[in-house]
Amino acid sequence: MAEKETLMALALTTEDKIKQAATKLFIEKGFAATRTREIAEEAGINLALLNYYFRSKEKLFDVVMEESLQLFLKGLEEILNDVNTVLKDKIAGISVHYIDLLKSHPDLPLFILTEIRANPSRLETNLNVKEMLKESNFYKQLEATTQKRVEPMHFIMNILGLLVFPFISSPVLRGQNEQGKAEFDQLMEARKHWVPIWVEAMLKTLSV
């Protein structure tokens, strides 16, 4: 029994190594330019072992993409559908959620956007994001606040733009040295405070 558990643990470790290596290379080079042999070398295994776990580069990429999308949306639905919080609190929660996530995974949004642009069906196949947003309590609160004068999706796009775009453009904004990265992280922390204020100000213009 102990031997079987040890073998299972080793198998999981090997699979995780493959996924980590594949994620790194897919982010750096994109799906088309990444070769399975490179993934195997990055993971420190032979190509036959990689093919044992994942039969093709496409299957491995689908797993990496699905896990990346799940990471990007993890915890978001809970914030959007919390009936006990007002709109302002949800916007603050979304701001903290994404800034913390993307500080830990700064390459995540560009990877997802680049690969989905190359193959839009990947997003539709894995997660129906638009329907999830439009059916949320958050969307209904936005709709009530705007009194249907403005499509709520405009505000959702504004919020995501304010939170996600700085990370997409971070190589330009922060530079490559450690001081630049530290200053960028400080700016992102400050946005936890400012983004909800800016969005609230946008919403208030509709009541003027």
N, C-alpha and C. Protein backbone atom coordinates (compact mmCIF):
# COMPACT_ATOMS: atom_id res chain seq x y z
N MET A 1 0.83 -1.21 0.00
CA MET A 1 0.00 0.00 0.00
C MET A 1 0.87 1.26 0.00
N ALA A 2 1.91 1.24 0.87
CA ALA A 2 2.81 2.39 0.96
C ALA A 2 3.55 2.59 -0.36
N GLU A 3 3.95 1.48 -0.98
CA GLU A 3 4.66 1.55 -2.26
C GLU A 3 3.77 2.16 -3.34
N LYS A 4 2.47 1.76 -3.33
CA LYS A 4 1.52 2.29 -4.31
C LYS A 4 1.34 3.78 -4.12
N GLU A 5 1.24 4.25 -2.86
CA GLU A 5 1.08 5.68 -2.57
C GLU A 5 2.32 6.46 -3.01
N THR A 6 3.49 5.86 -2.81
CA THR A 6 4.74 6.51 -3.22
C THR A 6 4.78 6.68 -4.74
N LEU A 7 4.38 5.63 -5.46
CA LEU A 7 4.36 5.69 -6.93
C LEU A 7 3.36 6.74 -7.41
N MET A 8 2.20 6.84 -6.73
CA MET A 8 1.20 7.85 -7.10
C MET A 8 1.74 9.25 -6.87
N ALA A 9 2.45 9.44 -5.77
CA ALA A 9 3.04 10.75 -5.48
C ALA A 9 4.07 11.13 -6.52
N LEU A 10 4.90 10.13 -6.93
CA LEU A 10 5.89 10.39 -7.97
C LEU A 10 5.23 10.74 -9.28
N ALA A 11 4.12 10.06 -9.60
CA ALA A 11 3.40 10.33 -10.84
C ALA A 11 2.83 11.74 -10.85
N LEU A 12 2.27 12.13 -9.73
CA LEU A 12 1.73 13.48 -9.63
C LEU A 12 2.84 14.52 -9.76
N THR A 13 3.99 14.24 -9.15
CA THR A 13 5.11 15.16 -9.23
C THR A 13 5.59 15.31 -10.67
N THR A 14 5.68 14.21 -11.38
CA THR A 14 6.10 14.26 -12.79
C THR A 14 5.09 15.03 -13.63
N GLU A 15 3.81 14.78 -13.41
CA GLU A 15 2.77 15.48 -14.17
C GLU A 15 2.83 16.98 -13.89
N ASP A 16 3.01 17.35 -12.63
CA ASP A 16 3.11 18.77 -12.28
C ASP A 16 4.33 19.42 -12.93
N LYS A 17 5.44 18.68 -12.94
CA LYS A 17 6.66 19.21 -13.58
C LYS A 17 6.42 19.48 -15.06
N ILE A 18 5.72 18.57 -15.71
CA ILE A 18 5.43 18.74 -17.14
C ILE A 18 4.55 19.97 -17.36
N LYS A 19 3.51 20.10 -16.54
CA LYS A 19 2.61 21.24 -16.69
C LYS A 19 3.31 22.57 -16.40
N GLN A 20 4.17 22.57 -15.38
CA GLN A 20 4.92 23.79 -15.07
C GLN A 20 5.86 24.17 -16.20
N ALA A 21 6.55 23.17 -16.75
CA ALA A 21 7.46 23.42 -17.87
C ALA A 21 6.70 23.90 -19.09
N ALA A 22 5.58 23.26 -19.36
CA ALA A 22 4.77 23.64 -20.53
C ALA A 22 4.22 25.05 -20.37
N THR A 23 3.74 25.38 -19.18
CA THR A 23 3.20 26.72 -18.94
C THR A 23 4.27 27.77 -19.18
N LYS A 24 5.48 27.53 -18.64
CA LYS A 24 6.59 28.47 -18.82
C LYS A 24 6.90 28.69 -20.30
N LEU A 25 7.00 27.60 -21.06
CA LEU A 25 7.36 27.72 -22.47
C LEU A 25 6.21 28.27 -23.32
N PHE A 26 4.98 27.88 -23.01
CA PHE A 26 3.84 28.42 -23.76
C PHE A 26 3.73 29.93 -23.56
N ILE A 27 4.00 30.38 -22.34
CA ILE A 27 3.96 31.82 -22.06
C ILE A 27 5.09 32.54 -22.79
N GLU A 28 6.28 31.96 -22.76
CA GLU A 28 7.45 32.59 -23.38
C GLU A 28 7.38 32.58 -24.90
N LYS A 29 6.94 31.46 -25.50
CA LYS A 29 7.06 31.28 -26.94
C LYS A 29 5.73 31.15 -27.67
N GLY A 30 4.65 30.90 -26.93
CA GLY A 30 3.37 30.64 -27.57
C GLY A 30 3.23 29.17 -27.95
N PHE A 31 2.00 28.78 -28.21
CA PHE A 31 1.72 27.37 -28.52
C PHE A 31 2.44 26.91 -29.79
N ALA A 32 2.33 27.69 -30.86
CA ALA A 32 2.84 27.26 -32.17
C ALA A 32 4.35 27.06 -32.16
N ALA A 33 5.07 27.92 -31.43
CA ALA A 33 6.54 27.87 -31.48
C ALA A 33 7.15 26.92 -30.45
N THR A 34 6.34 26.38 -29.56
CA THR A 34 6.85 25.48 -28.53
C THR A 34 6.83 24.04 -29.02
N ARG A 35 7.96 23.35 -28.87
CA ARG A 35 8.05 21.94 -29.29
C ARG A 35 7.98 21.04 -28.06
N THR A 36 7.39 19.85 -28.25
CA THR A 36 7.26 18.93 -27.12
C THR A 36 8.62 18.52 -26.57
N ARG A 37 9.61 18.43 -27.43
CA ARG A 37 10.95 18.06 -26.96
C ARG A 37 11.49 19.12 -26.01
N GLU A 38 11.20 20.39 -26.29
CA GLU A 38 11.63 21.48 -25.41
C GLU A 38 10.95 21.38 -24.05
N ILE A 39 9.67 21.03 -24.06
CA ILE A 39 8.93 20.87 -22.81
C ILE A 39 9.53 19.75 -21.98
N ALA A 40 9.84 18.63 -22.63
CA ALA A 40 10.44 17.50 -21.93
C ALA A 40 11.79 17.89 -21.33
N GLU A 41 12.59 18.60 -22.08
CA GLU A 41 13.90 19.03 -21.58
C GLU A 41 13.75 19.98 -20.40
N GLU A 42 12.79 20.91 -20.49
CA GLU A 42 12.54 21.87 -19.41
C GLU A 42 12.07 21.15 -18.15
N ALA A 43 11.29 20.09 -18.33
CA ALA A 43 10.77 19.32 -17.20
C ALA A 43 11.79 18.33 -16.65
N GLY A 44 12.88 18.12 -17.39
CA GLY A 44 13.91 17.20 -16.95
C GLY A 44 13.53 15.74 -17.13
N ILE A 45 12.74 15.46 -18.17
CA ILE A 45 12.32 14.08 -18.45
C ILE A 45 12.58 13.78 -19.92
N ASN A 46 12.37 12.53 -20.31
CA ASN A 46 12.51 12.20 -21.73
C ASN A 46 11.17 12.37 -22.44
N LEU A 47 11.22 12.43 -23.75
CA LEU A 47 10.02 12.70 -24.56
C LEU A 47 8.99 11.58 -24.43
N ALA A 48 9.46 10.36 -24.29
CA ALA A 48 8.54 9.22 -24.17
C ALA A 48 7.68 9.35 -22.91
N LEU A 49 8.29 9.83 -21.83
CA LEU A 49 7.55 9.99 -20.57
C LEU A 49 6.51 11.11 -20.70
N LEU A 50 6.89 12.18 -21.38
CA LEU A 50 5.92 13.26 -21.61
C LEU A 50 4.73 12.74 -22.41
N ASN A 51 5.01 11.95 -23.45
CA ASN A 51 3.92 11.40 -24.27
C ASN A 51 3.08 10.40 -23.50
N TYR A 52 3.65 9.78 -22.48
CA TYR A 52 2.89 8.85 -21.64
C TYR A 52 1.81 9.60 -20.86
N TYR A 53 2.18 10.78 -20.33
CA TYR A 53 1.24 11.56 -19.54
C TYR A 53 0.29 12.38 -20.41
N PHE A 54 0.82 12.95 -21.49
CA PHE A 54 0.01 13.78 -22.38
C PHE A 54 0.29 13.33 -23.82
N ARG A 55 -0.71 12.83 -24.49
CA ARG A 55 -0.49 12.18 -25.78
C ARG A 55 -0.07 13.13 -26.89
N SER A 56 -0.35 14.41 -26.71
CA SER A 56 0.01 15.37 -27.75
C SER A 56 0.23 16.74 -27.13
N LYS A 57 0.88 17.60 -27.89
CA LYS A 57 1.08 18.98 -27.42
C LYS A 57 -0.26 19.68 -27.26
N GLU A 58 -1.21 19.37 -28.14
CA GLU A 58 -2.54 19.99 -28.09
C GLU A 58 -3.25 19.65 -26.78
N LYS A 59 -3.19 18.36 -26.38
CA LYS A 59 -3.84 17.95 -25.13
C LYS A 59 -3.19 18.62 -23.92
N LEU A 60 -1.86 18.70 -23.95
CA LEU A 60 -1.15 19.35 -22.86
C LEU A 60 -1.50 20.83 -22.80
N PHE A 61 -1.56 21.47 -23.97
CA PHE A 61 -1.91 22.89 -24.00
C PHE A 61 -3.32 23.13 -23.47
N ASP A 62 -4.25 22.26 -23.86
CA ASP A 62 -5.63 22.40 -23.39
C ASP A 62 -5.70 22.34 -21.87
N VAL A 63 -4.90 21.45 -21.27
CA VAL A 63 -4.87 21.34 -19.80
C VAL A 63 -4.30 22.61 -19.19
N VAL A 64 -3.21 23.10 -19.76
CA VAL A 64 -2.57 24.33 -19.25
C VAL A 64 -3.51 25.52 -19.39
N MET A 65 -4.18 25.64 -20.55
CA MET A 65 -5.09 26.75 -20.78
C MET A 65 -6.27 26.69 -19.83
N GLU A 66 -6.84 25.50 -19.66
CA GLU A 66 -8.00 25.36 -18.77
C GLU A 66 -7.62 25.73 -17.33
N GLU A 67 -6.46 25.29 -16.87
CA GLU A 67 -6.03 25.62 -15.52
C GLU A 67 -5.71 27.11 -15.39
N SER A 68 -5.20 27.72 -16.45
CA SER A 68 -4.91 29.16 -16.43
C SER A 68 -6.21 29.97 -16.35
N LEU A 69 -7.20 29.55 -17.13
CA LEU A 69 -8.50 30.21 -17.09
C LEU A 69 -9.16 30.05 -15.72
N GLN A 70 -9.06 28.86 -15.17
CA GLN A 70 -9.64 28.62 -13.85
C GLN A 70 -8.96 29.47 -12.79
N LEU A 71 -7.64 29.61 -12.91
CA LEU A 71 -6.89 30.46 -11.98
C LEU A 71 -7.32 31.91 -12.12
N PHE A 72 -7.49 32.36 -13.37
CA PHE A 72 -7.87 33.76 -13.64
C PHE A 72 -9.25 34.08 -13.07
N LEU A 73 -10.14 33.09 -13.07
CA LEU A 73 -11.52 33.31 -12.62
C LEU A 73 -11.78 32.79 -11.21
N LYS A 74 -10.79 32.12 -10.61
CA LYS A 74 -10.98 31.51 -9.30
C LYS A 74 -11.35 32.57 -8.26
N GLY A 75 -12.42 32.33 -7.53
CA GLY A 75 -12.84 33.24 -6.48
C GLY A 75 -13.68 34.40 -6.97
N LEU A 76 -13.66 34.67 -8.30
CA LEU A 76 -14.39 35.81 -8.82
C LEU A 76 -15.90 35.63 -8.72
N GLU A 77 -16.38 34.44 -9.07
CA GLU A 77 -17.82 34.19 -9.07
C GLU A 77 -18.41 34.37 -7.67
N GLU A 78 -17.65 33.98 -6.67
CA GLU A 78 -18.11 34.14 -5.28
C GLU A 78 -18.31 35.61 -4.94
N ILE A 79 -17.37 36.46 -5.38
CA ILE A 79 -17.48 37.91 -5.14
C ILE A 79 -18.68 38.48 -5.89
N LEU A 80 -18.84 38.09 -7.16
CA LEU A 80 -19.89 38.65 -8.00
C LEU A 80 -21.29 38.29 -7.51
N ASN A 81 -21.43 37.13 -6.89
CA ASN A 81 -22.76 36.64 -6.51
C ASN A 81 -23.05 36.74 -5.02
N ASP A 82 -22.23 37.47 -4.29
CA ASP A 82 -22.47 37.66 -2.86
C ASP A 82 -23.65 38.63 -2.68
N VAL A 83 -24.78 38.12 -2.24
CA VAL A 83 -25.99 38.95 -2.09
C VAL A 83 -25.91 39.85 -0.86
N ASN A 84 -24.90 39.65 -0.02
CA ASN A 84 -24.78 40.43 1.21
C ASN A 84 -23.86 41.64 1.08
N THR A 85 -23.31 41.87 -0.11
CA THR A 85 -22.42 43.02 -0.30
C THR A 85 -23.02 43.99 -1.31
N VAL A 86 -22.77 45.28 -1.09
CA VAL A 86 -23.23 46.31 -2.01
C VAL A 86 -22.24 46.41 -3.17
N LEU A 87 -22.63 47.16 -4.18
CA LEU A 87 -21.83 47.27 -5.40
C LEU A 87 -20.42 47.77 -5.11
N LYS A 88 -20.30 48.77 -4.27
CA LYS A 88 -18.99 49.35 -3.95
C LYS A 88 -18.06 48.30 -3.35
N ASP A 89 -18.61 47.46 -2.46
CA ASP A 89 -17.79 46.42 -1.83
C ASP A 89 -17.36 45.37 -2.85
N LYS A 90 -18.23 45.06 -3.79
CA LYS A 90 -17.87 44.08 -4.83
C LYS A 90 -16.73 44.61 -5.70
N ILE A 91 -16.81 45.88 -6.06
CA ILE A 91 -15.74 46.47 -6.88
C ILE A 91 -14.42 46.46 -6.13
N ALA A 92 -14.47 46.77 -4.83
CA ALA A 92 -13.25 46.72 -4.01
C ALA A 92 -12.73 45.29 -3.93
N GLY A 93 -13.64 44.32 -3.78
CA GLY A 93 -13.24 42.92 -3.71
C GLY A 93 -12.60 42.43 -5.00
N ILE A 94 -13.17 42.83 -6.13
CA ILE A 94 -12.61 42.47 -7.44
C ILE A 94 -11.21 43.07 -7.60
N SER A 95 -11.05 44.31 -7.16
CA SER A 95 -9.76 45.00 -7.28
C SER A 95 -8.68 44.28 -6.49
N VAL A 96 -8.98 43.95 -5.25
CA VAL A 96 -8.00 43.24 -4.41
C VAL A 96 -7.71 41.86 -4.99
N HIS A 97 -8.76 41.18 -5.42
CA HIS A 97 -8.61 39.82 -5.96
C HIS A 97 -7.66 39.80 -7.15
N TYR A 98 -7.88 40.67 -8.13
CA TYR A 98 -7.07 40.61 -9.34
C TYR A 98 -5.67 41.17 -9.15
N ILE A 99 -5.53 42.20 -8.35
CA ILE A 99 -4.18 42.74 -8.14
C ILE A 99 -3.31 41.73 -7.40
N ASP A 100 -3.86 41.08 -6.38
CA ASP A 100 -3.09 40.05 -5.67
C ASP A 100 -2.75 38.87 -6.60
N LEU A 101 -3.74 38.45 -7.39
CA LEU A 101 -3.52 37.33 -8.30
C LEU A 101 -2.44 37.64 -9.33
N LEU A 102 -2.55 38.82 -9.95
CA LEU A 102 -1.66 39.14 -11.06
C LEU A 102 -0.28 39.57 -10.60
N LYS A 103 -0.15 40.01 -9.37
CA LYS A 103 1.20 40.24 -8.82
C LYS A 103 1.94 38.91 -8.70
N SER A 104 1.20 37.85 -8.39
CA SER A 104 1.81 36.53 -8.28
C SER A 104 1.98 35.85 -9.63
N HIS A 105 1.11 36.20 -10.60
CA HIS A 105 1.15 35.59 -11.93
C HIS A 105 1.05 36.69 -13.00
N PRO A 106 2.07 37.55 -13.11
CA PRO A 106 1.98 38.70 -14.00
C PRO A 106 1.86 38.37 -15.49
N ASP A 107 2.31 37.18 -15.90
CA ASP A 107 2.24 36.81 -17.31
C ASP A 107 0.92 36.16 -17.70
N LEU A 108 0.08 35.89 -16.72
CA LEU A 108 -1.16 35.15 -16.96
C LEU A 108 -2.10 35.82 -17.95
N PRO A 109 -2.44 37.11 -17.79
CA PRO A 109 -3.43 37.71 -18.71
C PRO A 109 -2.96 37.76 -20.15
N LEU A 110 -1.68 38.10 -20.37
CA LEU A 110 -1.19 38.19 -21.75
C LEU A 110 -1.17 36.83 -22.42
N PHE A 111 -0.80 35.80 -21.67
CA PHE A 111 -0.81 34.43 -22.19
C PHE A 111 -2.21 34.04 -22.63
N ILE A 112 -3.20 34.26 -21.74
CA ILE A 112 -4.58 33.89 -22.06
C ILE A 112 -5.09 34.67 -23.26
N LEU A 113 -4.87 35.97 -23.26
CA LEU A 113 -5.39 36.81 -24.35
C LEU A 113 -4.74 36.47 -25.69
N THR A 114 -3.43 36.24 -25.68
CA THR A 114 -2.72 35.92 -26.92
C THR A 114 -3.21 34.62 -27.53
N GLU A 115 -3.34 33.60 -26.69
CA GLU A 115 -3.73 32.28 -27.21
C GLU A 115 -5.21 32.23 -27.58
N ILE A 116 -6.05 32.94 -26.85
CA ILE A 116 -7.47 32.97 -27.20
C ILE A 116 -7.69 33.75 -28.50
N ARG A 117 -6.89 34.79 -28.68
CA ARG A 117 -6.97 35.54 -29.94
C ARG A 117 -6.60 34.65 -31.12
N ALA A 118 -5.62 33.77 -30.90
CA ALA A 118 -5.20 32.85 -31.95
C ALA A 118 -6.25 31.77 -32.19
N ASN A 119 -6.99 31.41 -31.13
CA ASN A 119 -8.03 30.38 -31.24
C ASN A 119 -9.18 30.73 -30.31
N PRO A 120 -10.11 31.61 -30.74
CA PRO A 120 -11.20 32.09 -29.87
C PRO A 120 -12.08 30.99 -29.31
N SER A 121 -12.18 29.86 -29.98
CA SER A 121 -13.05 28.79 -29.51
C SER A 121 -12.58 28.18 -28.20
N ARG A 122 -11.30 28.37 -27.85
CA ARG A 122 -10.79 27.80 -26.60
C ARG A 122 -11.54 28.36 -25.39
N LEU A 123 -11.82 29.67 -25.40
CA LEU A 123 -12.52 30.28 -24.27
C LEU A 123 -13.95 29.79 -24.22
N GLU A 124 -14.62 29.72 -25.37
CA GLU A 124 -16.01 29.29 -25.42
C GLU A 124 -16.14 27.84 -24.98
N THR A 125 -15.14 27.02 -25.33
CA THR A 125 -15.18 25.61 -24.98
C THR A 125 -15.01 25.39 -23.48
N ASN A 126 -14.14 26.19 -22.86
CA ASN A 126 -13.80 25.96 -21.46
C ASN A 126 -14.73 26.67 -20.49
N LEU A 127 -15.01 27.94 -20.72
CA LEU A 127 -15.79 28.71 -19.75
C LEU A 127 -16.65 29.73 -20.48
N ASN A 128 -17.92 29.78 -20.11
CA ASN A 128 -18.81 30.75 -20.72
C ASN A 128 -18.81 32.00 -19.84
N VAL A 129 -17.78 32.81 -19.98
CA VAL A 129 -17.54 33.93 -19.08
C VAL A 129 -18.63 34.99 -19.20
N LYS A 130 -19.02 35.29 -20.42
CA LYS A 130 -20.01 36.36 -20.62
C LYS A 130 -21.32 36.04 -19.90
N GLU A 131 -21.80 34.80 -20.02
CA GLU A 131 -23.05 34.42 -19.36
C GLU A 131 -22.89 34.44 -17.85
N MET A 132 -21.72 34.02 -17.36
CA MET A 132 -21.47 34.04 -15.92
C MET A 132 -21.57 35.46 -15.38
N LEU A 133 -21.00 36.42 -16.12
CA LEU A 133 -21.05 37.82 -15.71
C LEU A 133 -22.48 38.37 -15.76
N LYS A 134 -23.18 38.10 -16.86
CA LYS A 134 -24.51 38.69 -17.06
C LYS A 134 -25.56 38.10 -16.12
N GLU A 135 -25.30 36.92 -15.60
CA GLU A 135 -26.25 36.29 -14.67
C GLU A 135 -25.91 36.59 -13.21
N SER A 136 -24.84 37.33 -12.97
CA SER A 136 -24.37 37.55 -11.61
C SER A 136 -25.17 38.63 -10.89
N ASN A 137 -25.12 38.57 -9.56
CA ASN A 137 -25.72 39.61 -8.73
C ASN A 137 -25.04 40.95 -8.99
N PHE A 138 -23.76 40.93 -9.26
CA PHE A 138 -22.98 42.13 -9.56
C PHE A 138 -23.55 42.85 -10.79
N TYR A 139 -23.84 42.09 -11.83
CA TYR A 139 -24.39 42.67 -13.06
C TYR A 139 -25.76 43.31 -12.78
N LYS A 140 -26.59 42.62 -11.99
CA LYS A 140 -27.91 43.15 -11.66
C LYS A 140 -27.80 44.45 -10.85
N GLN A 141 -26.81 44.51 -9.95
CA GLN A 141 -26.60 45.74 -9.18
C GLN A 141 -26.13 46.88 -10.08
N LEU A 142 -25.26 46.56 -11.02
CA LEU A 142 -24.82 47.58 -11.98
C LEU A 142 -26.00 48.08 -12.80
N GLU A 143 -26.83 47.14 -13.24
CA GLU A 143 -28.01 47.48 -14.06
C GLU A 143 -28.95 48.40 -13.29
N ALA A 144 -29.15 48.11 -12.01
CA ALA A 144 -30.04 48.95 -11.18
C ALA A 144 -29.43 50.33 -10.96
N THR A 145 -28.11 50.38 -10.78
CA THR A 145 -27.44 51.66 -10.53
C THR A 145 -27.46 52.55 -11.76
N THR A 146 -27.22 51.94 -12.92
CA THR A 146 -27.20 52.72 -14.17
C THR A 146 -28.60 52.97 -14.72
N GLN A 147 -29.62 52.31 -14.10
CA GLN A 147 -31.02 52.44 -14.54
C GLN A 147 -31.16 52.14 -16.04
N LYS A 148 -30.32 51.20 -16.49
CA LYS A 148 -30.32 50.73 -17.88
C LYS A 148 -30.03 51.83 -18.90
N ARG A 149 -29.48 52.97 -18.40
CA ARG A 149 -29.10 54.04 -19.34
C ARG A 149 -27.81 53.68 -20.08
N VAL A 150 -26.98 52.85 -19.43
CA VAL A 150 -25.72 52.40 -20.02
C VAL A 150 -25.62 50.90 -19.81
N GLU A 151 -25.20 50.18 -20.82
CA GLU A 151 -25.00 48.73 -20.72
C GLU A 151 -23.97 48.44 -19.63
N PRO A 152 -24.30 47.65 -18.62
CA PRO A 152 -23.37 47.34 -17.53
C PRO A 152 -22.04 46.75 -17.98
N MET A 153 -22.04 46.08 -19.13
CA MET A 153 -20.78 45.50 -19.61
C MET A 153 -19.71 46.56 -19.84
N HIS A 154 -20.13 47.82 -20.11
CA HIS A 154 -19.15 48.90 -20.25
C HIS A 154 -18.35 49.05 -18.95
N PHE A 155 -19.04 49.00 -17.82
CA PHE A 155 -18.36 49.16 -16.54
C PHE A 155 -17.52 47.94 -16.20
N ILE A 156 -17.98 46.77 -16.57
CA ILE A 156 -17.19 45.56 -16.36
C ILE A 156 -15.90 45.64 -17.18
N MET A 157 -16.00 46.10 -18.42
CA MET A 157 -14.81 46.26 -19.26
C MET A 157 -13.88 47.33 -18.69
N ASN A 158 -14.47 48.42 -18.16
CA ASN A 158 -13.65 49.47 -17.56
C ASN A 158 -12.89 48.94 -16.34
N ILE A 159 -13.58 48.18 -15.49
CA ILE A 159 -12.95 47.64 -14.29
C ILE A 159 -11.81 46.69 -14.67
N LEU A 160 -12.09 45.77 -15.59
CA LEU A 160 -11.05 44.83 -16.01
C LEU A 160 -9.88 45.55 -16.67
N GLY A 161 -10.18 46.57 -17.46
CA GLY A 161 -9.12 47.34 -18.09
C GLY A 161 -8.22 48.02 -17.07
N LEU A 162 -8.84 48.62 -16.05
CA LEU A 162 -8.07 49.30 -15.01
C LEU A 162 -7.20 48.34 -14.21
N LEU A 163 -7.66 47.10 -14.07
CA LEU A 163 -6.94 46.13 -13.25
C LEU A 163 -5.96 45.28 -14.04
N VAL A 164 -6.36 44.87 -15.24
CA VAL A 164 -5.56 43.90 -15.99
C VAL A 164 -4.56 44.56 -16.93
N PHE A 165 -4.93 45.66 -17.57
CA PHE A 165 -4.04 46.26 -18.57
C PHE A 165 -2.67 46.65 -18.01
N PRO A 166 -2.58 47.20 -16.77
CA PRO A 166 -1.23 47.52 -16.27
C PRO A 166 -0.30 46.32 -16.26
N PHE A 167 -0.82 45.13 -16.00
CA PHE A 167 0.03 43.94 -15.97
C PHE A 167 0.42 43.51 -17.39
N ILE A 168 -0.50 43.70 -18.35
CA ILE A 168 -0.18 43.39 -19.75
C ILE A 168 0.93 44.30 -20.25
N SER A 169 0.88 45.57 -19.83
CA SER A 169 1.87 46.54 -20.29
C SER A 169 3.04 46.68 -19.33
N SER A 170 3.11 45.83 -18.31
CA SER A 170 4.14 45.98 -17.27
C SER A 170 5.59 45.94 -17.77
N PRO A 171 5.92 45.14 -18.81
CA PRO A 171 7.31 45.17 -19.27
C PRO A 171 7.76 46.57 -19.69
N VAL A 172 6.84 47.37 -20.20
CA VAL A 172 7.17 48.74 -20.59
C VAL A 172 7.15 49.66 -19.37
N LEU A 173 6.17 49.47 -18.50
CA LEU A 173 5.97 50.38 -17.37
C LEU A 173 6.98 50.19 -16.25
N ARG A 174 7.42 48.95 -16.03
CA ARG A 174 8.26 48.69 -14.86
C ARG A 174 9.74 48.53 -15.18
N GLY A 175 10.08 48.26 -16.43
CA GLY A 175 11.47 47.99 -16.77
C GLY A 175 11.90 46.63 -16.26
N GLN A 176 13.17 46.35 -16.33
CA GLN A 176 13.68 45.02 -15.99
C GLN A 176 14.44 44.96 -14.67
N ASN A 177 14.74 46.13 -14.07
CA ASN A 177 15.51 46.08 -12.82
C ASN A 177 14.59 45.91 -11.62
N GLU A 178 15.19 45.51 -10.50
CA GLU A 178 14.42 45.21 -9.29
C GLU A 178 13.73 46.44 -8.73
N GLN A 179 14.38 47.60 -8.84
CA GLN A 179 13.77 48.83 -8.34
C GLN A 179 12.50 49.15 -9.12
N GLY A 180 12.56 48.96 -10.44
CA GLY A 180 11.39 49.21 -11.28
C GLY A 180 10.24 48.27 -10.93
N LYS A 181 10.55 47.02 -10.67
CA LYS A 181 9.53 46.04 -10.29
C LYS A 181 8.90 46.38 -8.95
N ALA A 182 9.74 46.83 -8.00
CA ALA A 182 9.24 47.20 -6.67
C ALA A 182 8.32 48.42 -6.77
N GLU A 183 8.70 49.40 -7.58
CA GLU A 183 7.86 50.59 -7.77
C GLU A 183 6.54 50.22 -8.43
N PHE A 184 6.60 49.30 -9.41
CA PHE A 184 5.38 48.85 -10.08
C PHE A 184 4.45 48.16 -9.09
N ASP A 185 5.00 47.30 -8.24
CA ASP A 185 4.18 46.60 -7.25
C ASP A 185 3.52 47.59 -6.28
N GLN A 186 4.24 48.65 -5.93
CA GLN A 186 3.66 49.68 -5.06
C GLN A 186 2.50 50.38 -5.75
N LEU A 187 2.67 50.67 -7.03
CA LEU A 187 1.58 51.28 -7.80
C LEU A 187 0.36 50.38 -7.83
N MET A 188 0.59 49.08 -8.03
CA MET A 188 -0.52 48.14 -8.10
C MET A 188 -1.24 48.04 -6.75
N GLU A 189 -0.48 48.08 -5.65
CA GLU A 189 -1.10 48.07 -4.32
C GLU A 189 -1.98 49.30 -4.15
N ALA A 190 -1.50 50.45 -4.62
CA ALA A 190 -2.28 51.69 -4.51
C ALA A 190 -3.57 51.62 -5.30
N ARG A 191 -3.56 50.86 -6.39
CA ARG A 191 -4.76 50.75 -7.22
C ARG A 191 -5.90 50.00 -6.52
N LYS A 192 -5.57 49.20 -5.51
CA LYS A 192 -6.63 48.58 -4.71
C LYS A 192 -7.52 49.64 -4.09
N HIS A 193 -6.92 50.77 -3.75
CA HIS A 193 -7.67 51.89 -3.18
C HIS A 193 -8.33 52.75 -4.26
N TRP A 194 -7.57 53.02 -5.33
CA TRP A 194 -8.03 54.01 -6.31
C TRP A 194 -9.04 53.48 -7.32
N VAL A 195 -8.89 52.25 -7.75
CA VAL A 195 -9.81 51.73 -8.78
C VAL A 195 -11.27 51.80 -8.34
N PRO A 196 -11.63 51.35 -7.13
CA PRO A 196 -13.03 51.49 -6.71
C PRO A 196 -13.52 52.93 -6.69
N ILE A 197 -12.64 53.86 -6.31
CA ILE A 197 -13.01 55.28 -6.29
C ILE A 197 -13.27 55.78 -7.71
N TRP A 198 -12.41 55.40 -8.66
CA TRP A 198 -12.58 55.84 -10.04
C TRP A 198 -13.86 55.26 -10.65
N VAL A 199 -14.12 54.00 -10.38
CA VAL A 199 -15.33 53.37 -10.93
C VAL A 199 -16.59 54.00 -10.32
N GLU A 200 -16.55 54.26 -9.02
CA GLU A 200 -17.69 54.90 -8.37
C GLU A 200 -17.95 56.29 -8.97
N ALA A 201 -16.86 57.02 -9.26
CA ALA A 201 -17.00 58.33 -9.88
C ALA A 201 -17.64 58.22 -11.26
N MET A 202 -17.26 57.19 -12.02
CA MET A 202 -17.87 56.97 -13.34
C MET A 202 -19.37 56.69 -13.21
N LEU A 203 -19.73 55.89 -12.21
CA LEU A 203 -21.12 55.56 -12.00
C LEU A 203 -21.93 56.79 -11.58
N LYS A 204 -21.32 57.67 -10.81
CA LYS A 204 -22.02 58.87 -10.32
C LYS A 204 -22.36 59.83 -11.45
N THR A 205 -21.58 59.79 -12.53
CA THR A 205 -21.87 60.70 -13.66
C THR A 205 -23.24 60.43 -14.25
N LEU A 206 -23.76 59.21 -14.05
CA LEU A 206 -25.05 58.87 -14.61
C LEU A 206 -26.22 59.47 -13.82
N SER A 207 -25.93 59.89 -12.59
CA SER A 207 -26.99 60.47 -11.77
C SER A 207 -27.01 62.00 -11.84
N VAL A 208 -26.08 62.56 -12.60
CA VAL A 208 -26.02 64.02 -12.75
C VAL A 208 -27.12 64.50 -13.69
